[in-house]
N, C-alpha and C. Protein backbone atom coordinates (compact mmCIF):
# COMPACT_ATOMS: atom_id res chain seq x y z
N MET A 1 -0.73 -30.55 15.80
CA MET A 1 -0.34 -30.20 14.45
C MET A 1 0.69 -29.08 14.51
N ARG A 2 1.66 -29.15 13.64
CA ARG A 2 2.73 -28.16 13.61
C ARG A 2 2.25 -26.84 13.01
N VAL A 3 2.85 -25.76 13.46
CA VAL A 3 2.45 -24.44 12.99
C VAL A 3 3.41 -23.97 11.89
N SER A 4 2.92 -23.07 11.07
CA SER A 4 3.75 -22.47 10.03
C SER A 4 4.27 -21.12 10.53
N ASN A 5 5.16 -20.54 9.76
CA ASN A 5 5.66 -19.21 10.11
C ASN A 5 4.54 -18.17 10.10
N LEU A 6 3.58 -18.34 9.19
CA LEU A 6 2.44 -17.43 9.12
C LEU A 6 1.62 -17.52 10.40
N ASP A 7 1.42 -18.73 10.92
CA ASP A 7 0.69 -18.89 12.18
C ASP A 7 1.42 -18.20 13.32
N LYS A 8 2.72 -18.30 13.33
CA LYS A 8 3.52 -17.64 14.37
C LYS A 8 3.37 -16.13 14.28
N GLU A 9 3.39 -15.61 13.04
CA GLU A 9 3.24 -14.16 12.86
C GLU A 9 1.87 -13.68 13.31
N ARG A 10 0.83 -14.47 13.09
CA ARG A 10 -0.51 -14.10 13.55
C ARG A 10 -0.54 -14.04 15.07
N ALA A 11 0.07 -15.01 15.73
CA ALA A 11 0.12 -15.01 17.19
C ALA A 11 0.90 -13.80 17.69
N ILE A 12 1.97 -13.45 17.01
CA ILE A 12 2.77 -12.29 17.40
C ILE A 12 1.97 -11.01 17.21
N ASP A 13 1.11 -10.97 16.18
CA ASP A 13 0.24 -9.81 16.01
C ASP A 13 -0.71 -9.65 17.20
N VAL A 14 -1.20 -10.77 17.71
CA VAL A 14 -2.07 -10.72 18.90
C VAL A 14 -1.27 -10.20 20.09
N LEU A 15 -0.03 -10.66 20.22
CA LEU A 15 0.81 -10.19 21.31
C LEU A 15 1.11 -8.69 21.16
N LYS A 16 1.35 -8.24 19.93
CA LYS A 16 1.59 -6.82 19.69
C LYS A 16 0.39 -5.99 20.12
N SER A 17 -0.81 -6.47 19.78
CA SER A 17 -2.02 -5.75 20.18
C SER A 17 -2.14 -5.71 21.69
N GLY A 18 -1.85 -6.83 22.34
CA GLY A 18 -1.92 -6.87 23.79
C GLY A 18 -0.92 -5.92 24.42
N PHE A 19 0.27 -5.83 23.86
CA PHE A 19 1.28 -4.91 24.37
C PHE A 19 0.86 -3.46 24.12
N ALA A 20 0.36 -3.18 22.93
CA ALA A 20 -0.07 -1.81 22.60
C ALA A 20 -1.23 -1.35 23.48
N GLU A 21 -2.09 -2.28 23.88
CA GLU A 21 -3.23 -1.94 24.74
C GLU A 21 -2.84 -1.88 26.21
N GLY A 22 -1.60 -2.21 26.54
CA GLY A 22 -1.16 -2.17 27.92
C GLY A 22 -1.48 -3.43 28.71
N ARG A 23 -1.83 -4.50 28.04
CA ARG A 23 -2.15 -5.76 28.73
C ARG A 23 -0.90 -6.57 29.04
N LEU A 24 0.21 -6.26 28.38
CA LEU A 24 1.48 -6.94 28.61
C LEU A 24 2.56 -5.90 28.89
N THR A 25 3.48 -6.23 29.78
CA THR A 25 4.64 -5.37 29.97
C THR A 25 5.63 -5.65 28.86
N LYS A 26 6.63 -4.82 28.74
CA LYS A 26 7.64 -4.99 27.70
C LYS A 26 8.36 -6.33 27.88
N ASP A 27 8.69 -6.68 29.13
CA ASP A 27 9.37 -7.95 29.38
C ASP A 27 8.49 -9.14 29.02
N GLU A 28 7.19 -9.08 29.40
CA GLU A 28 6.28 -10.18 29.05
C GLU A 28 6.16 -10.31 27.54
N TYR A 29 6.04 -9.17 26.88
CA TYR A 29 5.91 -9.18 25.42
C TYR A 29 7.14 -9.81 24.77
N ASP A 30 8.33 -9.35 25.17
CA ASP A 30 9.57 -9.89 24.59
C ASP A 30 9.69 -11.39 24.84
N GLU A 31 9.35 -11.83 26.03
CA GLU A 31 9.45 -13.26 26.36
C GLU A 31 8.48 -14.08 25.51
N ARG A 32 7.24 -13.59 25.40
CA ARG A 32 6.24 -14.34 24.64
C ARG A 32 6.56 -14.36 23.15
N VAL A 33 7.10 -13.28 22.62
CA VAL A 33 7.48 -13.26 21.20
C VAL A 33 8.56 -14.30 20.94
N GLY A 34 9.53 -14.38 21.85
CA GLY A 34 10.58 -15.39 21.71
C GLY A 34 10.00 -16.80 21.75
N GLU A 35 9.05 -17.01 22.65
CA GLU A 35 8.41 -18.32 22.74
C GLU A 35 7.57 -18.61 21.50
N ALA A 36 6.95 -17.57 20.94
CA ALA A 36 6.13 -17.77 19.72
C ALA A 36 7.01 -18.23 18.56
N TYR A 37 8.17 -17.61 18.42
CA TYR A 37 9.08 -18.03 17.34
C TYR A 37 9.59 -19.46 17.55
N ALA A 38 9.68 -19.88 18.82
CA ALA A 38 10.17 -21.23 19.12
C ALA A 38 9.05 -22.27 19.13
N SER A 39 7.80 -21.83 19.03
CA SER A 39 6.65 -22.74 19.09
C SER A 39 6.66 -23.71 17.92
N ARG A 40 6.17 -24.90 18.21
CA ARG A 40 6.09 -25.92 17.16
C ARG A 40 4.66 -26.35 16.88
N THR A 41 3.75 -26.19 17.86
CA THR A 41 2.37 -26.66 17.68
C THR A 41 1.38 -25.53 17.94
N TYR A 42 0.15 -25.75 17.52
CA TYR A 42 -0.92 -24.79 17.77
C TYR A 42 -1.19 -24.64 19.27
N ASP A 43 -1.04 -25.71 20.02
CA ASP A 43 -1.24 -25.63 21.47
C ASP A 43 -0.22 -24.68 22.10
N ASP A 44 1.03 -24.71 21.62
CA ASP A 44 2.04 -23.79 22.14
C ASP A 44 1.62 -22.33 21.92
N LEU A 45 1.14 -22.04 20.72
CA LEU A 45 0.72 -20.67 20.41
C LEU A 45 -0.52 -20.28 21.21
N ALA A 46 -1.44 -21.22 21.36
CA ALA A 46 -2.67 -20.93 22.09
C ALA A 46 -2.37 -20.58 23.54
N GLN A 47 -1.39 -21.24 24.15
CA GLN A 47 -1.03 -20.95 25.53
C GLN A 47 -0.43 -19.54 25.67
N LEU A 48 0.26 -19.08 24.65
CA LEU A 48 0.87 -17.75 24.70
C LEU A 48 -0.15 -16.63 24.62
N THR A 49 -1.28 -16.89 23.96
CA THR A 49 -2.28 -15.84 23.74
C THR A 49 -3.58 -16.10 24.47
N ALA A 50 -3.63 -17.13 25.31
CA ALA A 50 -4.90 -17.52 25.95
C ALA A 50 -5.47 -16.42 26.84
N ASP A 51 -4.64 -15.61 27.47
CA ASP A 51 -5.14 -14.59 28.38
C ASP A 51 -5.33 -13.23 27.72
N LEU A 52 -5.23 -13.18 26.39
CA LEU A 52 -5.38 -11.93 25.65
C LEU A 52 -6.59 -11.99 24.74
N PRO A 53 -7.29 -10.86 24.59
CA PRO A 53 -8.37 -10.84 23.58
C PRO A 53 -7.75 -10.95 22.19
N ILE A 54 -8.32 -11.78 21.36
CA ILE A 54 -7.75 -12.06 20.05
C ILE A 54 -7.98 -10.91 19.09
N GLY A 55 -9.10 -10.24 19.18
CA GLY A 55 -9.38 -9.09 18.31
C GLY A 55 -9.78 -9.52 16.92
N PRO A 56 -9.45 -8.72 15.91
CA PRO A 56 -9.95 -8.97 14.56
C PRO A 56 -9.31 -10.19 13.88
N LEU A 57 -8.29 -10.77 14.47
CA LEU A 57 -7.63 -11.89 13.82
C LEU A 57 -8.40 -13.19 13.95
N GLY A 58 -9.31 -13.27 14.91
CA GLY A 58 -10.03 -14.53 15.14
C GLY A 58 -9.22 -15.42 16.04
N ALA A 59 -9.86 -16.38 16.66
CA ALA A 59 -9.18 -17.27 17.60
C ALA A 59 -8.20 -18.18 16.88
N ILE A 60 -7.11 -18.48 17.56
CA ILE A 60 -6.17 -19.45 17.01
C ILE A 60 -6.77 -20.82 17.22
N ASN A 61 -6.96 -21.52 16.17
CA ASN A 61 -7.62 -22.81 16.21
C ASN A 61 -6.61 -23.86 16.66
N THR A 62 -6.88 -24.50 17.81
CA THR A 62 -5.93 -25.49 18.32
C THR A 62 -6.08 -26.84 17.62
N GLN A 63 -7.18 -27.08 16.95
CA GLN A 63 -7.39 -28.33 16.22
C GLN A 63 -7.85 -28.01 14.79
N PRO A 64 -6.96 -27.51 13.96
CA PRO A 64 -7.39 -27.15 12.60
C PRO A 64 -7.70 -28.39 11.77
N HIS A 65 -8.60 -28.19 10.85
CA HIS A 65 -8.91 -29.24 9.91
C HIS A 65 -7.73 -29.39 8.96
N PRO A 66 -7.31 -30.60 8.63
CA PRO A 66 -6.12 -30.77 7.78
C PRO A 66 -6.23 -30.10 6.42
N MET A 67 -7.44 -29.94 5.90
CA MET A 67 -7.60 -29.35 4.58
C MET A 67 -7.97 -27.86 4.65
N GLN A 68 -7.97 -27.31 5.84
CA GLN A 68 -8.36 -25.92 6.01
C GLN A 68 -7.29 -25.00 5.43
N ARG A 69 -7.71 -24.03 4.64
CA ARG A 69 -6.79 -23.07 4.05
C ARG A 69 -6.83 -21.79 4.86
N PRO A 70 -5.71 -21.09 4.93
CA PRO A 70 -5.72 -19.82 5.66
C PRO A 70 -6.58 -18.80 4.93
N VAL A 71 -7.20 -17.92 5.69
CA VAL A 71 -8.04 -16.88 5.13
C VAL A 71 -7.20 -15.61 5.05
N TYR A 72 -7.06 -15.08 3.85
CA TYR A 72 -6.29 -13.87 3.65
C TYR A 72 -7.24 -12.71 3.41
N PRO A 73 -6.89 -11.52 3.89
CA PRO A 73 -7.76 -10.38 3.62
C PRO A 73 -7.74 -10.06 2.13
N PRO A 74 -8.84 -9.54 1.60
CA PRO A 74 -8.88 -9.23 0.17
C PRO A 74 -7.96 -8.05 -0.14
N TYR A 75 -7.47 -8.02 -1.38
CA TYR A 75 -6.66 -6.89 -1.81
C TYR A 75 -7.55 -5.66 -1.89
N PRO A 76 -7.01 -4.51 -1.53
CA PRO A 76 -7.83 -3.30 -1.65
C PRO A 76 -8.10 -3.03 -3.13
N ALA A 77 -9.29 -2.54 -3.41
CA ALA A 77 -9.67 -2.24 -4.78
C ALA A 77 -8.80 -1.11 -5.31
N ARG A 78 -8.30 -1.29 -6.49
CA ARG A 78 -7.47 -0.25 -7.10
C ARG A 78 -8.39 0.75 -7.77
N GLY A 79 -8.13 2.02 -7.53
CA GLY A 79 -8.92 3.07 -8.17
C GLY A 79 -8.61 3.13 -9.66
N ARG A 80 -9.51 3.70 -10.40
CA ARG A 80 -9.28 3.80 -11.82
C ARG A 80 -8.33 4.94 -12.12
N THR A 81 -7.65 4.85 -13.24
CA THR A 81 -6.69 5.87 -13.65
C THR A 81 -7.44 7.01 -14.33
N ASN A 82 -7.09 8.22 -13.96
CA ASN A 82 -7.75 9.40 -14.51
C ASN A 82 -7.43 9.54 -16.00
N GLY A 83 -8.46 9.72 -16.80
CA GLY A 83 -8.29 9.83 -18.24
C GLY A 83 -7.57 11.09 -18.68
N LEU A 84 -7.80 12.21 -17.96
CA LEU A 84 -7.11 13.44 -18.31
C LEU A 84 -5.60 13.32 -18.10
N ALA A 85 -5.21 12.55 -17.09
CA ALA A 85 -3.78 12.35 -16.83
C ALA A 85 -3.13 11.60 -17.99
N VAL A 86 -3.82 10.60 -18.50
CA VAL A 86 -3.30 9.84 -19.64
C VAL A 86 -3.23 10.75 -20.87
N ALA A 87 -4.28 11.53 -21.09
CA ALA A 87 -4.30 12.45 -22.24
C ALA A 87 -3.20 13.49 -22.12
N SER A 88 -2.93 13.95 -20.89
CA SER A 88 -1.87 14.93 -20.68
C SER A 88 -0.52 14.38 -21.11
N LEU A 89 -0.23 13.16 -20.72
CA LEU A 89 1.05 12.56 -21.10
C LEU A 89 1.13 12.34 -22.61
N LEU A 90 0.04 11.89 -23.21
CA LEU A 90 0.06 11.66 -24.66
C LEU A 90 0.25 12.96 -25.42
N CYS A 91 -0.42 14.03 -24.99
CA CYS A 91 -0.26 15.32 -25.67
C CYS A 91 1.15 15.87 -25.49
N ALA A 92 1.78 15.56 -24.36
CA ALA A 92 3.14 16.04 -24.12
C ALA A 92 4.12 15.43 -25.12
N LEU A 93 3.80 14.27 -25.63
CA LEU A 93 4.70 13.59 -26.54
C LEU A 93 4.50 14.02 -28.00
N LEU A 94 3.47 14.82 -28.27
CA LEU A 94 3.22 15.33 -29.62
C LEU A 94 3.86 16.71 -29.75
N PRO A 95 4.42 17.06 -30.89
CA PRO A 95 5.08 18.35 -31.02
C PRO A 95 4.09 19.51 -31.23
N GLY A 96 4.46 20.68 -30.73
CA GLY A 96 3.73 21.91 -31.02
C GLY A 96 2.64 22.26 -30.03
N LEU A 97 1.49 22.66 -30.56
CA LEU A 97 0.36 23.15 -29.76
C LEU A 97 -0.10 22.18 -28.67
N PRO A 98 -0.05 20.86 -28.89
CA PRO A 98 -0.50 19.95 -27.83
C PRO A 98 0.28 20.10 -26.52
N TRP A 99 1.46 20.74 -26.54
CA TRP A 99 2.19 20.93 -25.29
C TRP A 99 1.40 21.84 -24.34
N PHE A 100 0.82 22.89 -24.89
CA PHE A 100 0.02 23.80 -24.05
C PHE A 100 -1.25 23.10 -23.55
N ILE A 101 -1.83 22.30 -24.41
CA ILE A 101 -3.01 21.54 -24.02
C ILE A 101 -2.64 20.54 -22.93
N SER A 102 -1.46 19.94 -23.06
CA SER A 102 -1.00 18.95 -22.09
C SER A 102 -0.89 19.55 -20.69
N ILE A 103 -0.38 20.76 -20.61
CA ILE A 103 -0.26 21.41 -19.30
C ILE A 103 -1.64 21.64 -18.70
N GLY A 104 -2.57 22.12 -19.50
CA GLY A 104 -3.94 22.33 -19.01
C GLY A 104 -4.59 21.03 -18.58
N LEU A 105 -4.42 19.99 -19.38
CA LEU A 105 -4.99 18.69 -19.03
C LEU A 105 -4.36 18.13 -17.75
N GLY A 106 -3.04 18.30 -17.63
CA GLY A 106 -2.35 17.80 -16.45
C GLY A 106 -2.82 18.50 -15.18
N LEU A 107 -2.99 19.81 -15.24
CA LEU A 107 -3.47 20.55 -14.07
C LEU A 107 -4.91 20.16 -13.72
N ALA A 108 -5.75 20.01 -14.73
CA ALA A 108 -7.13 19.58 -14.48
C ALA A 108 -7.16 18.16 -13.90
N ALA A 109 -6.29 17.29 -14.41
CA ALA A 109 -6.23 15.91 -13.92
C ALA A 109 -5.81 15.88 -12.46
N ARG A 110 -4.83 16.70 -12.08
CA ARG A 110 -4.38 16.72 -10.68
C ARG A 110 -5.54 17.08 -9.76
N GLY A 111 -6.36 18.05 -10.15
CA GLY A 111 -7.52 18.42 -9.33
C GLY A 111 -8.52 17.29 -9.22
N GLN A 112 -8.80 16.64 -10.34
CA GLN A 112 -9.75 15.53 -10.32
C GLN A 112 -9.23 14.36 -9.50
N ILE A 113 -7.95 14.07 -9.62
CA ILE A 113 -7.36 12.95 -8.89
C ILE A 113 -7.48 13.16 -7.39
N LYS A 114 -7.18 14.37 -6.95
CA LYS A 114 -7.29 14.66 -5.52
C LYS A 114 -8.74 14.60 -5.05
N ALA A 115 -9.66 15.11 -5.85
CA ALA A 115 -11.07 15.14 -5.46
C ALA A 115 -11.72 13.75 -5.49
N ARG A 116 -11.36 12.94 -6.46
CA ARG A 116 -12.01 11.64 -6.64
C ARG A 116 -11.23 10.47 -6.07
N GLY A 117 -9.98 10.69 -5.70
CA GLY A 117 -9.16 9.58 -5.19
C GLY A 117 -8.73 8.61 -6.27
N GLU A 118 -8.59 9.11 -7.47
CA GLU A 118 -8.19 8.25 -8.59
C GLU A 118 -6.68 8.10 -8.64
N ARG A 119 -6.22 7.25 -9.52
CA ARG A 119 -4.79 7.05 -9.76
C ARG A 119 -4.37 7.91 -10.94
N GLY A 120 -3.06 8.11 -11.12
CA GLY A 120 -2.56 8.80 -12.30
C GLY A 120 -1.85 10.11 -12.01
N ILE A 121 -1.58 10.42 -10.76
CA ILE A 121 -0.91 11.68 -10.45
C ILE A 121 0.47 11.75 -11.12
N SER A 122 1.16 10.61 -11.22
CA SER A 122 2.48 10.59 -11.87
C SER A 122 2.35 10.86 -13.36
N LEU A 123 1.31 10.36 -13.97
CA LEU A 123 1.10 10.61 -15.40
C LEU A 123 0.85 12.10 -15.65
N ALA A 124 0.02 12.70 -14.79
CA ALA A 124 -0.28 14.12 -14.94
C ALA A 124 0.98 14.96 -14.73
N ASN A 125 1.74 14.63 -13.69
CA ASN A 125 2.98 15.37 -13.43
C ASN A 125 3.97 15.21 -14.57
N ALA A 126 4.07 14.01 -15.13
CA ALA A 126 4.99 13.78 -16.26
C ALA A 126 4.54 14.58 -17.48
N GLY A 127 3.25 14.63 -17.74
CA GLY A 127 2.74 15.41 -18.87
C GLY A 127 3.07 16.88 -18.72
N ILE A 128 2.89 17.42 -17.50
CA ILE A 128 3.20 18.83 -17.25
C ILE A 128 4.70 19.08 -17.41
N ALA A 129 5.52 18.22 -16.82
CA ALA A 129 6.97 18.42 -16.85
C ALA A 129 7.53 18.30 -18.27
N ILE A 130 7.10 17.30 -19.01
CA ILE A 130 7.61 17.11 -20.37
C ILE A 130 7.19 18.27 -21.26
N SER A 131 5.94 18.69 -21.15
CA SER A 131 5.47 19.81 -21.96
C SER A 131 6.19 21.09 -21.60
N GLY A 132 6.38 21.32 -20.31
CA GLY A 132 7.12 22.51 -19.88
C GLY A 132 8.54 22.52 -20.42
N PHE A 133 9.17 21.37 -20.39
CA PHE A 133 10.53 21.27 -20.92
C PHE A 133 10.56 21.60 -22.41
N PHE A 134 9.64 21.01 -23.19
CA PHE A 134 9.64 21.25 -24.63
C PHE A 134 9.28 22.70 -24.96
N ILE A 135 8.38 23.30 -24.21
CA ILE A 135 8.04 24.71 -24.44
C ILE A 135 9.25 25.59 -24.16
N LEU A 136 9.93 25.33 -23.04
CA LEU A 136 11.13 26.10 -22.69
C LEU A 136 12.22 25.91 -23.76
N LEU A 137 12.40 24.69 -24.20
CA LEU A 137 13.39 24.43 -25.24
C LEU A 137 13.03 25.15 -26.54
N ALA A 138 11.74 25.15 -26.89
CA ALA A 138 11.31 25.84 -28.12
C ALA A 138 11.54 27.34 -28.02
N VAL A 139 11.28 27.93 -26.83
CA VAL A 139 11.50 29.35 -26.63
C VAL A 139 12.99 29.68 -26.73
N ILE A 140 13.83 28.87 -26.13
CA ILE A 140 15.28 29.11 -26.18
C ILE A 140 15.79 29.01 -27.61
N LEU A 141 15.33 28.01 -28.34
CA LEU A 141 15.76 27.86 -29.74
C LEU A 141 15.26 29.03 -30.60
N ALA A 142 14.02 29.46 -30.33
CA ALA A 142 13.47 30.57 -31.11
C ALA A 142 14.22 31.87 -30.83
N LEU A 143 14.58 32.11 -29.58
CA LEU A 143 15.32 33.32 -29.22
C LEU A 143 16.76 33.26 -29.73
N GLY A 144 17.28 32.06 -29.84
CA GLY A 144 18.65 31.88 -30.35
C GLY A 144 18.79 32.24 -31.81
N HIS A 145 17.70 32.18 -32.56
CA HIS A 145 17.75 32.49 -33.99
C HIS A 145 17.65 34.00 -34.24
N TYR A 146 17.31 34.77 -33.22
CA TYR A 146 17.14 36.22 -33.44
C TYR A 146 18.30 36.98 -32.96
């Protein structure tokens, strides 16, 4: 059975591991990678990696079932977005007193995000920066009138 580009990449990953572990010299690695890209069947790939431990990728199946689908690793779970970071950005967009609240919320959110591994650091930073800009602008305008 013919191999796909994904199958070739998996075999090359096995070769990379073998090279990184010192089981292959640089010349052997380069030669086998070239042969892997030129491979057309599962038997060709199996011969290239037969003397190497396969590791976490699993053995290259030389007789795959025609209906067998490739197994892909699951996507990593996305952390939840910190609520204080969202509130910080929203308060930054409101005029007046919420700007000061936004800075406090943004700083608190940054601490929580680092401690909990949550998402939203960009929201917190944006809330702090926007509020700081508006406060500075308000101070400059107020001083300009005196």
